[in-house]
Amino acid sequence: MEFTRFLDCLAADYDRLRTVVGTDADAPVPTCPGWTVADLSRHVGEVYLHKTVAMREGVEPEAWPPKEFAEEEPTALLDRGYTALRAEFATRAPGTPAATWYGPDQSVGFWIRRMAQETVVHRVDAELATGRPVTPVPDDLAVDGVDELLKIFAAYAVAEWGDYFTDILAASPGRTFLVRAGDAAWRVRTGPGEFTVTDGAEGGPPDVTLSGSPEAVLRRLWNRDGADGGVTVEGDPDAVEELRRCIVVATQ
């Protein structure tokens, strides 16, 4: 996806998120246990401001969020965070250096992509919490979100912070997963200390196949399924659980 496209998606999903969170601040968020819609609003605002600081100062702030944020009304914090984030994006090219947690990409472009994906997932959270119809996720954004989740979150986390996955992967017999999201496909290989991702469906028979529309697969992997799910899963339940647990730990 082009960065201009990410920014357009970010704007559209923020507008929808902002509309929805203003309707029922006390509603529980089923996909974020223990949170209300107000908590969700505060979280997204804090995330936006955190990335703004990372770009401005060239380093990710360690002590976050600042204590004074707790005194700010959640939607006001959300508005302030989004305004600051967009202002920062407007003054920096995607290739400009910026501090990120992902070693291979230390650029503003990383945060443009990440904030577009962060916002669409939390927009879905807000809609589910308030009983609103879930606005469809565009196919290109959903496919990119699956790619980001598998490669940038899960594969990178296992490679860099493998100790967190020992309980999940140490006894793995070595498994292959085929993930299909519309016309896009990825093959995932797991094993002791291993979580690797390659593009495409080619290869031997997988242990697990997970397939559906781009939106359905994105929501399943992020544990934001709808009532009907819309995803077909075929294969060993133990293997399915292994993949699920890896993604849960990688996205905490």
C-alpha atoms as a PDB file:
ATOM      1  CA  MET A   1       0.000   0.000   0.000  1.00  0.00           C
ATOM      2  CA  GLU A   2       1.077   3.560  -0.679  1.00  0.00           C
ATOM      3  CA  PHE A   3       1.605   5.781   2.349  1.00  0.00           C
ATOM      4  CA  THR A   4      -1.056   8.161   1.067  1.00  0.00           C
ATOM      5  CA  ARG A   5      -3.486   5.252   1.140  1.00  0.00           C
ATOM      6  CA  PHE A   6      -2.535   4.414   4.736  1.00  0.00           C
ATOM      7  CA  LEU A   7      -3.168   8.027   5.716  1.00  0.00           C
ATOM      8  CA  ASP A   8      -6.561   8.021   3.998  1.00  0.00           C
ATOM      9  CA  CYS A   9      -7.514   4.825   5.858  1.00  0.00           C
ATOM     10  CA  LEU A  10      -6.261   6.294   9.120  1.00  0.00           C
ATOM     11  CA  ALA A  11      -8.443   9.366   8.645  1.00  0.00           C
ATOM     12  CA  ALA A  12     -11.551   7.377   7.755  1.00  0.00           C
ATOM     13  CA  ASP A  13     -11.204   4.953  10.652  1.00  0.00           C
ATOM     14  CA  TYR A  14     -10.402   7.710  13.112  1.00  0.00           C
ATOM     15  CA  ASP A  15     -13.531   9.603  12.075  1.00  0.00           C
ATOM     16  CA  ARG A  16     -15.645   6.488  12.580  1.00  0.00           C
ATOM     17  CA  LEU A  17     -13.922   5.676  15.881  1.00  0.00           C
ATOM     18  CA  ARG A  18     -14.441   9.204  17.158  1.00  0.00           C
ATOM     19  CA  THR A  19     -18.115   9.141  16.259  1.00  0.00           C
ATOM     20  CA  VAL A  20     -18.714   5.806  17.951  1.00  0.00           C
ATOM     21  CA  VAL A  21     -16.797   6.418  21.196  1.00  0.00           C
ATOM     22  CA  GLY A  22     -18.831   9.538  21.820  1.00  0.00           C
ATOM     23  CA  THR A  23     -22.052   7.533  22.126  1.00  0.00           C
ATOM     24  CA  ASP A  24     -21.542   5.212  25.123  1.00  0.00           C
ATOM     25  CA  ALA A  25     -18.416   5.815  27.179  1.00  0.00           C
ATOM     26  CA  ASP A  26     -19.354   3.285  29.857  1.00  0.00           C
ATOM     27  CA  ALA A  27     -20.014   0.346  27.537  1.00  0.00           C
ATOM     28  CA  PRO A  28     -17.690  -2.623  28.144  1.00  0.00           C
ATOM     29  CA  VAL A  29     -15.402  -3.582  25.256  1.00  0.00           C
ATOM     30  CA  PRO A  30     -15.801  -7.355  24.789  1.00  0.00           C
ATOM     31  CA  THR A  31     -12.637  -7.643  22.712  1.00  0.00           C
ATOM     32  CA  CYS A  32     -10.563  -5.812  25.344  1.00  0.00           C
ATOM     33  CA  PRO A  33     -11.653  -7.423  28.650  1.00  0.00           C
ATOM     34  CA  GLY A  34     -11.767  -4.995  31.548  1.00  0.00           C
ATOM     35  CA  TRP A  35     -11.967  -1.908  29.354  1.00  0.00           C
ATOM     36  CA  THR A  36     -14.857   0.459  28.761  1.00  0.00           C
ATOM     37  CA  VAL A  37     -15.230   2.587  25.661  1.00  0.00           C
ATOM     38  CA  ALA A  38     -13.740   5.469  27.661  1.00  0.00           C
ATOM     39  CA  ASP A  39     -10.673   3.330  28.406  1.00  0.00           C
ATOM     40  CA  LEU A  40     -10.374   2.495  24.731  1.00  0.00           C
ATOM     41  CA  SER A  41     -10.538   6.179  23.801  1.00  0.00           C
ATOM     42  CA  ARG A  42      -7.844   7.026  26.327  1.00  0.00           C
ATOM     43  CA  HIS A  43      -5.623   4.195  25.117  1.00  0.00           C
ATOM     44  CA  VAL A  44      -5.753   5.251  21.474  1.00  0.00           C
ATOM     45  CA  GLY A  45      -5.060   8.882  22.379  1.00  0.00           C
ATOM     46  CA  GLU A  46      -2.070   7.822  24.476  1.00  0.00           C
ATOM     47  CA  VAL A  47      -0.756   5.677  21.624  1.00  0.00           C
ATOM     48  CA  TYR A  48      -1.016   8.564  19.153  1.00  0.00           C
ATOM     49  CA  LEU A  49       0.846  10.886  21.492  1.00  0.00           C
ATOM     50  CA  HIS A  50       3.502   8.250  22.229  1.00  0.00           C
ATOM     51  CA  LYS A  51       4.299   7.917  18.514  1.00  0.00           C
ATOM     52  CA  THR A  52       4.298  11.674  18.122  1.00  0.00           C
ATOM     53  CA  VAL A  53       6.980  11.956  20.804  1.00  0.00           C
ATOM     54  CA  ALA A  54       8.971   9.102  19.239  1.00  0.00           C
ATOM     55  CA  MET A  55       9.110  11.013  15.962  1.00  0.00           C
ATOM     56  CA  ARG A  56       9.840  14.390  17.511  1.00  0.00           C
ATOM     57  CA  GLU A  57      12.542  13.258  19.927  1.00  0.00           C
ATOM     58  CA  GLY A  58      14.055  10.379  17.998  1.00  0.00           C
ATOM     59  CA  VAL A  59      13.561   7.929  20.848  1.00  0.00           C
ATOM     60  CA  GLU A  60      10.544   6.103  22.209  1.00  0.00           C
ATOM     61  CA  PRO A  61       9.591   7.476  25.642  1.00  0.00           C
ATOM     62  CA  GLU A  62      10.029   4.852  28.354  1.00  0.00           C
ATOM     63  CA  ALA A  63       7.792   6.291  31.088  1.00  0.00           C
ATOM     64  CA  TRP A  64       4.371   6.381  29.486  1.00  0.00           C
ATOM     65  CA  PRO A  65       1.743   7.697  29.781  1.00  0.00           C
ATOM     66  CA  PRO A  66       2.513  10.879  31.723  1.00  0.00           C
ATOM     67  CA  LYS A  67       0.536  11.141  34.961  1.00  0.00           C
ATOM     68  CA  GLU A  68      -1.235  14.304  33.856  1.00  0.00           C
ATOM     69  CA  PHE A  69      -2.983  12.405  31.068  1.00  0.00           C
ATOM     70  CA  ALA A  70      -5.200  10.784  33.692  1.00  0.00           C
ATOM     71  CA  GLU A  71      -6.779  14.166  34.384  1.00  0.00           C
ATOM     72  CA  GLU A  72      -7.821  14.670  30.757  1.00  0.00           C
ATOM     73  CA  GLU A  73     -11.227  13.625  29.486  1.00  0.00           C
ATOM     74  CA  PRO A  74     -10.778  10.511  27.277  1.00  0.00           C
ATOM     75  CA  THR A  75     -12.224  11.862  24.044  1.00  0.00           C
ATOM     76  CA  ALA A  76     -10.344  15.148  24.500  1.00  0.00           C
ATOM     77  CA  LEU A  77      -7.131  13.163  24.844  1.00  0.00           C
ATOM     78  CA  LEU A  78      -8.048  11.157  21.756  1.00  0.00           C
ATOM     79  CA  ASP A  79      -8.690  14.330  19.766  1.00  0.00           C
ATOM     80  CA  ARG A  80      -5.452  15.915  20.941  1.00  0.00           C
ATOM     81  CA  GLY A  81      -3.469  12.804  20.149  1.00  0.00           C
ATOM     82  CA  TYR A  82      -4.843  12.476  16.637  1.00  0.00           C
ATOM     83  CA  THR A  83      -4.277  16.152  15.870  1.00  0.00           C
ATOM     84  CA  ALA A  84      -0.672  15.923  17.050  1.00  0.00           C
ATOM     85  CA  LEU A  85      -0.043  12.698  15.148  1.00  0.00           C
ATOM     86  CA  ARG A  86      -1.383  14.030  11.854  1.00  0.00           C
ATOM     87  CA  ALA A  87       0.580  17.245  12.266  1.00  0.00           C
ATOM     88  CA  GLU A  88       3.750  15.201  12.720  1.00  0.00           C
ATOM     89  CA  PHE A  89       3.025  13.071   9.675  1.00  0.00           C
ATOM     90  CA  ALA A  90       2.345  16.220   7.635  1.00  0.00           C
ATOM     91  CA  THR A  91       5.797  17.625   8.332  1.00  0.00           C
ATOM     92  CA  ARG A  92       7.842  14.436   7.793  1.00  0.00           C
ATOM     93  CA  ALA A  93       8.406  12.260   4.752  1.00  0.00           C
ATOM     94  CA  PRO A  94       7.786   8.528   5.232  1.00  0.00           C
ATOM     95  CA  GLY A  95      11.502   7.830   4.836  1.00  0.00           C
ATOM     96  CA  THR A  96      12.496  10.255   7.594  1.00  0.00           C
ATOM     97  CA  PRO A  97      14.250   8.478  10.499  1.00  0.00           C
ATOM     98  CA  ALA A  98      12.065   7.798  13.528  1.00  0.00           C
ATOM     99  CA  ALA A  99      12.429   5.630  16.619  1.00  0.00           C
ATOM    100  CA  THR A 100      10.412   2.406  16.433  1.00  0.00           C
ATOM    101  CA  TRP A 101      10.396  -0.925  18.262  1.00  0.00           C
ATOM    102  CA  TYR A 102      10.946  -2.767  14.974  1.00  0.00           C
ATOM    103  CA  GLY A 103      14.668  -2.859  14.271  1.00  0.00           C
ATOM    104  CA  PRO A 104      14.572  -3.272  10.465  1.00  0.00           C
ATOM    105  CA  ASP A 105      12.434  -0.161   9.939  1.00  0.00           C
ATOM    106  CA  GLN A 106      13.314   3.008  11.833  1.00  0.00           C
ATOM    107  CA  SER A 107      11.215   5.404   9.808  1.00  0.00           C
ATOM    108  CA  VAL A 108       8.147   7.597   9.930  1.00  0.00           C
ATOM    109  CA  GLY A 109       6.620   5.277   7.355  1.00  0.00           C
ATOM    110  CA  PHE A 110       6.591   2.473   9.901  1.00  0.00           C
ATOM    111  CA  TRP A 111       4.387   4.568  12.172  1.00  0.00           C
ATOM    112  CA  ILE A 112       2.110   5.649   9.321  1.00  0.00           C
ATOM    113  CA  ARG A 113       1.390   2.006   8.578  1.00  0.00           C
ATOM    114  CA  ARG A 114       1.192   0.967  12.223  1.00  0.00           C
ATOM    115  CA  MET A 115      -1.207   3.758  13.201  1.00  0.00           C
ATOM    116  CA  ALA A 116      -3.503   2.969  10.284  1.00  0.00           C
ATOM    117  CA  GLN A 117      -3.640  -0.645  11.450  1.00  0.00           C
ATOM    118  CA  GLU A 118      -3.933   0.301  15.131  1.00  0.00           C
ATOM    119  CA  THR A 119      -6.866   2.547  14.375  1.00  0.00           C
ATOM    120  CA  VAL A 120      -8.860   0.111  12.254  1.00  0.00           C
ATOM    121  CA  VAL A 121      -8.620  -2.610  14.915  1.00  0.00           C
ATOM    122  CA  HIS A 122      -9.728  -0.262  17.693  1.00  0.00           C
ATOM    123  CA  ARG A 123     -12.460   1.174  15.507  1.00  0.00           C
ATOM    124  CA  VAL A 124     -13.833  -2.361  15.260  1.00  0.00           C
ATOM    125  CA  ASP A 125     -13.519  -2.670  19.058  1.00  0.00           C
ATOM    126  CA  ALA A 126     -15.605   0.453  19.541  1.00  0.00           C
ATOM    127  CA  GLU A 127     -18.289  -0.678  17.120  1.00  0.00           C
ATOM    128  CA  LEU A 128     -18.563  -4.092  18.754  1.00  0.00           C
ATOM    129  CA  ALA A 129     -18.746  -2.478  22.205  1.00  0.00           C
ATOM    130  CA  THR A 130     -21.540  -0.092  21.305  1.00  0.00           C
ATOM    131  CA  GLY A 131     -23.559  -2.485  19.150  1.00  0.00           C
ATOM    132  CA  ARG A 132     -22.994  -0.474  16.003  1.00  0.00           C
ATOM    133  CA  PRO A 133     -22.679  -2.260  12.653  1.00  0.00           C
ATOM    134  CA  VAL A 134     -19.015  -2.939  11.949  1.00  0.00           C
ATOM    135  CA  THR A 135     -17.900  -0.821   9.025  1.00  0.00           C
ATOM    136  CA  PRO A 136     -16.260  -3.037   6.383  1.00  0.00           C
ATOM    137  CA  VAL A 137     -12.468  -3.064   6.381  1.00  0.00           C
ATOM    138  CA  PRO A 138     -11.139  -2.410   2.856  1.00  0.00           C
ATOM    139  CA  ASP A 139      -9.482  -5.461   1.343  1.00  0.00           C
ATOM    140  CA  ASP A 140      -6.113  -3.787   0.787  1.00  0.00           C
ATOM    141  CA  LEU A 141      -5.924  -2.573   4.376  1.00  0.00           C
ATOM    142  CA  ALA A 142      -6.997  -5.962   5.729  1.00  0.00           C
ATOM    143  CA  VAL A 143      -4.446  -7.873   3.641  1.00  0.00           C
ATOM    144  CA  ASP A 144      -1.727  -5.504   4.793  1.00  0.00           C
ATOM    145  CA  GLY A 145      -2.881  -5.947   8.371  1.00  0.00           C
ATOM    146  CA  VAL A 146      -2.546  -9.730   8.144  1.00  0.00           C
ATOM    147  CA  ASP A 147       0.915  -9.327   6.621  1.00  0.00           C
ATOM    148  CA  GLU A 148       1.961  -6.925   9.393  1.00  0.00           C
ATOM    149  CA  LEU A 149       0.623  -9.170  12.128  1.00  0.00           C
ATOM    150  CA  LEU A 150       2.359 -12.305  10.890  1.00  0.00           C
ATOM    151  CA  LYS A 151       5.698 -10.747   9.918  1.00  0.00           C
ATOM    152  CA  ILE A 152       6.199  -7.600  11.980  1.00  0.00           C
ATOM    153  CA  PHE A 153       4.555  -8.766  15.189  1.00  0.00           C
ATOM    154  CA  ALA A 154       4.783 -12.551  15.435  1.00  0.00           C
ATOM    155  CA  ALA A 155       7.866 -13.500  13.397  1.00  0.00           C
ATOM    156  CA  TYR A 156       9.929 -10.574  14.649  1.00  0.00           C
ATOM    157  CA  ALA A 157       8.882 -11.091  18.268  1.00  0.00           C
ATOM    158  CA  VAL A 158       9.842 -14.772  18.234  1.00  0.00           C
ATOM    159  CA  ALA A 159      13.210 -13.933  16.660  1.00  0.00           C
ATOM    160  CA  GLU A 160      13.996 -11.072  19.041  1.00  0.00           C
ATOM    161  CA  TRP A 161      12.294 -12.073  22.291  1.00  0.00           C
ATOM    162  CA  GLY A 162      12.162 -15.843  22.013  1.00  0.00           C
ATOM    163  CA  ASP A 163      12.030 -16.456  25.760  1.00  0.00           C
ATOM    164  CA  TYR A 164       8.441 -15.224  25.808  1.00  0.00           C
ATOM    165  CA  PHE A 165       7.465 -18.052  23.454  1.00  0.00           C
ATOM    166  CA  THR A 166       9.340 -20.936  25.064  1.00  0.00           C
ATOM    167  CA  ASP A 167       6.254 -22.383  26.748  1.00  0.00           C
ATOM    168  CA  ILE A 168       4.433 -22.352  23.418  1.00  0.00           C
ATOM    169  CA  LEU A 169       7.090 -23.471  20.966  1.00  0.00           C
ATOM    170  CA  ALA A 170       9.637 -25.546  22.901  1.00  0.00           C
ATOM    171  CA  ALA A 171       7.659 -28.761  22.438  1.00  0.00           C
ATOM    172  CA  SER A 172       6.347 -27.918  18.977  1.00  0.00           C
ATOM    173  CA  PRO A 173       6.825 -30.834  16.556  1.00  0.00           C
ATOM    174  CA  GLY A 174       7.311 -28.349  13.718  1.00  0.00           C
ATOM    175  CA  ARG A 175       4.168 -27.216  11.966  1.00  0.00           C
ATOM    176  CA  THR A 176       3.137 -25.422   8.819  1.00  0.00           C
ATOM    177  CA  PHE A 177       0.166 -23.111   8.410  1.00  0.00           C
ATOM    178  CA  LEU A 178      -1.382 -21.751   5.247  1.00  0.00           C
ATOM    179  CA  VAL A 179      -3.172 -18.445   5.793  1.00  0.00           C
ATOM    180  CA  ARG A 180      -5.362 -17.240   2.928  1.00  0.00           C
ATOM    181  CA  ALA A 181      -7.015 -13.815   2.925  1.00  0.00           C
ATOM    182  CA  GLY A 182      -8.876 -13.488  -0.332  1.00  0.00           C
ATOM    183  CA  ASP A 183      -6.266 -13.791  -3.087  1.00  0.00           C
ATOM    184  CA  ALA A 184      -3.328 -13.234  -0.717  1.00  0.00           C
ATOM    185  CA  ALA A 185      -1.577 -16.103   1.040  1.00  0.00           C
ATOM    186  CA  TRP A 186       1.221 -16.730   3.515  1.00  0.00           C
ATOM    187  CA  ARG A 187       2.917 -19.875   4.778  1.00  0.00           C
ATOM    188  CA  VAL A 188       3.922 -19.917   8.429  1.00  0.00           C
ATOM    189  CA  ARG A 189       6.401 -22.400   9.874  1.00  0.00           C
ATOM    190  CA  THR A 190       6.688 -22.947  13.617  1.00  0.00           C
ATOM    191  CA  GLY A 191       8.957 -25.083  15.726  1.00  0.00           C
ATOM    192  CA  PRO A 192      11.199 -24.731  18.789  1.00  0.00           C
ATOM    193  CA  GLY A 193      12.326 -21.096  18.688  1.00  0.00           C
ATOM    194  CA  GLU A 194      10.907 -20.684  15.184  1.00  0.00           C
ATOM    195  CA  PHE A 195       8.152 -18.620  13.602  1.00  0.00           C
ATOM    196  CA  THR A 196       8.890 -17.840   9.972  1.00  0.00           C
ATOM    197  CA  VAL A 197       6.618 -16.393   7.303  1.00  0.00           C
ATOM    198  CA  THR A 198       6.892 -16.598   3.520  1.00  0.00           C
ATOM    199  CA  ASP A 199       4.575 -15.113   0.920  1.00  0.00           C
ATOM    200  CA  GLY A 200       2.437 -17.367  -1.253  1.00  0.00           C
ATOM    201  CA  ALA A 201       0.675 -20.696  -0.970  1.00  0.00           C
ATOM    202  CA  GLU A 202       3.269 -22.938  -2.613  1.00  0.00           C
ATOM    203  CA  GLY A 203       4.725 -25.829  -0.635  1.00  0.00           C
ATOM    204  CA  GLY A 204       3.670 -29.145   0.775  1.00  0.00           C
ATOM    205  CA  PRO A 205       0.372 -29.864   2.514  1.00  0.00           C
ATOM    206  CA  PRO A 206       0.024 -27.629   5.601  1.00  0.00           C
ATOM    207  CA  ASP A 207      -0.971 -28.863   9.030  1.00  0.00           C
ATOM    208  CA  VAL A 208      -3.537 -26.070   9.237  1.00  0.00           C
ATOM    209  CA  THR A 209      -5.307 -23.968   6.636  1.00  0.00           C
ATOM    210  CA  LEU A 210      -7.016 -20.767   7.710  1.00  0.00           C
ATOM    211  CA  SER A 211      -8.972 -18.991   4.996  1.00  0.00           C
ATOM    212  CA  GLY A 212     -11.588 -16.332   4.483  1.00  0.00           C
ATOM    213  CA  SER A 213     -12.118 -12.817   3.213  1.00  0.00           C
ATOM    214  CA  PRO A 214      -9.328 -10.348   4.055  1.00  0.00           C
ATOM    215  CA  GLU A 215     -11.455  -8.665   6.708  1.00  0.00           C
ATOM    216  CA  ALA A 216     -12.553 -11.947   8.272  1.00  0.00           C
ATOM    217  CA  VAL A 217      -8.988 -13.269   8.492  1.00  0.00           C
ATOM    218  CA  LEU A 218      -7.690 -10.001   9.912  1.00  0.00           C
ATOM    219  CA  ARG A 219     -10.371  -9.979  12.582  1.00  0.00           C
ATOM    220  CA  ARG A 220      -9.828 -13.658  13.430  1.00  0.00           C
ATOM    221  CA  LEU A 221      -6.074 -13.225  13.880  1.00  0.00           C
ATOM    222  CA  TRP A 222      -6.618 -10.127  16.027  1.00  0.00           C
ATOM    223  CA  ASN A 223      -9.364 -11.935  17.984  1.00  0.00           C
ATOM    224  CA  ARG A 224     -12.012  -9.493  16.761  1.00  0.00           C
ATOM    225  CA  ASP A 225     -14.313 -12.046  15.120  1.00  0.00           C
ATOM    226  CA  GLY A 226     -17.873 -11.211  14.296  1.00  0.00           C
ATOM    227  CA  ALA A 227     -20.828 -13.362  15.252  1.00  0.00           C
ATOM    228  CA  ASP A 228     -20.415 -15.627  12.215  1.00  0.00           C
ATOM    229  CA  GLY A 229     -16.626 -15.534  12.086  1.00  0.00           C
ATOM    230  CA  GLY A 230     -16.433 -15.967   8.337  1.00  0.00           C
ATOM    231  CA  VAL A 231     -13.178 -17.943   8.530  1.00  0.00           C
ATOM    232  CA  THR A 232     -12.696 -21.606   7.676  1.00  0.00           C
ATOM    233  CA  VAL A 233     -10.101 -23.438   9.777  1.00  0.00           C
ATOM    234  CA  GLU A 234      -8.988 -26.926   8.803  1.00  0.00           C
ATOM    235  CA  GLY A 235      -6.399 -28.982  10.654  1.00  0.00           C
ATOM    236  CA  ASP A 236      -5.124 -30.147  14.015  1.00  0.00           C
ATOM    237  CA  PRO A 237      -6.736 -28.181  16.885  1.00  0.00           C
ATOM    238  CA  ASP A 238      -3.454 -28.306  18.836  1.00  0.00           C
ATOM    239  CA  ALA A 239      -1.674 -26.649  15.939  1.00  0.00           C
ATOM    240  CA  VAL A 240      -4.389 -24.002  15.650  1.00  0.00           C
ATOM    241  CA  GLU A 241      -3.956 -23.242  19.339  1.00  0.00           C
ATOM    242  CA  GLU A 242      -0.181 -22.962  18.918  1.00  0.00           C
ATOM    243  CA  LEU A 243      -0.608 -20.294  16.259  1.00  0.00           C
ATOM    244  CA  ARG A 244      -3.215 -18.468  18.312  1.00  0.00           C
ATOM    245  CA  ARG A 245      -1.026 -18.392  21.435  1.00  0.00           C
ATOM    246  CA  CYS A 246       1.975 -17.110  19.498  1.00  0.00           C
ATOM    247  CA  ILE A 247      -0.061 -14.226  18.112  1.00  0.00           C
ATOM    248  CA  VAL A 248      -1.563 -13.401  21.509  1.00  0.00           C
ATOM    249  CA  VAL A 249       1.880 -13.142  23.120  1.00  0.00           C
ATOM    250  CA  ALA A 250       3.324 -11.188  20.186  1.00  0.00           C
ATOM    251  CA  THR A 251       0.573  -8.578  20.343  1.00  0.00           C
ATOM    252  CA  GLN A 252       0.439  -8.031  24.103  1.00  0.00           C
END
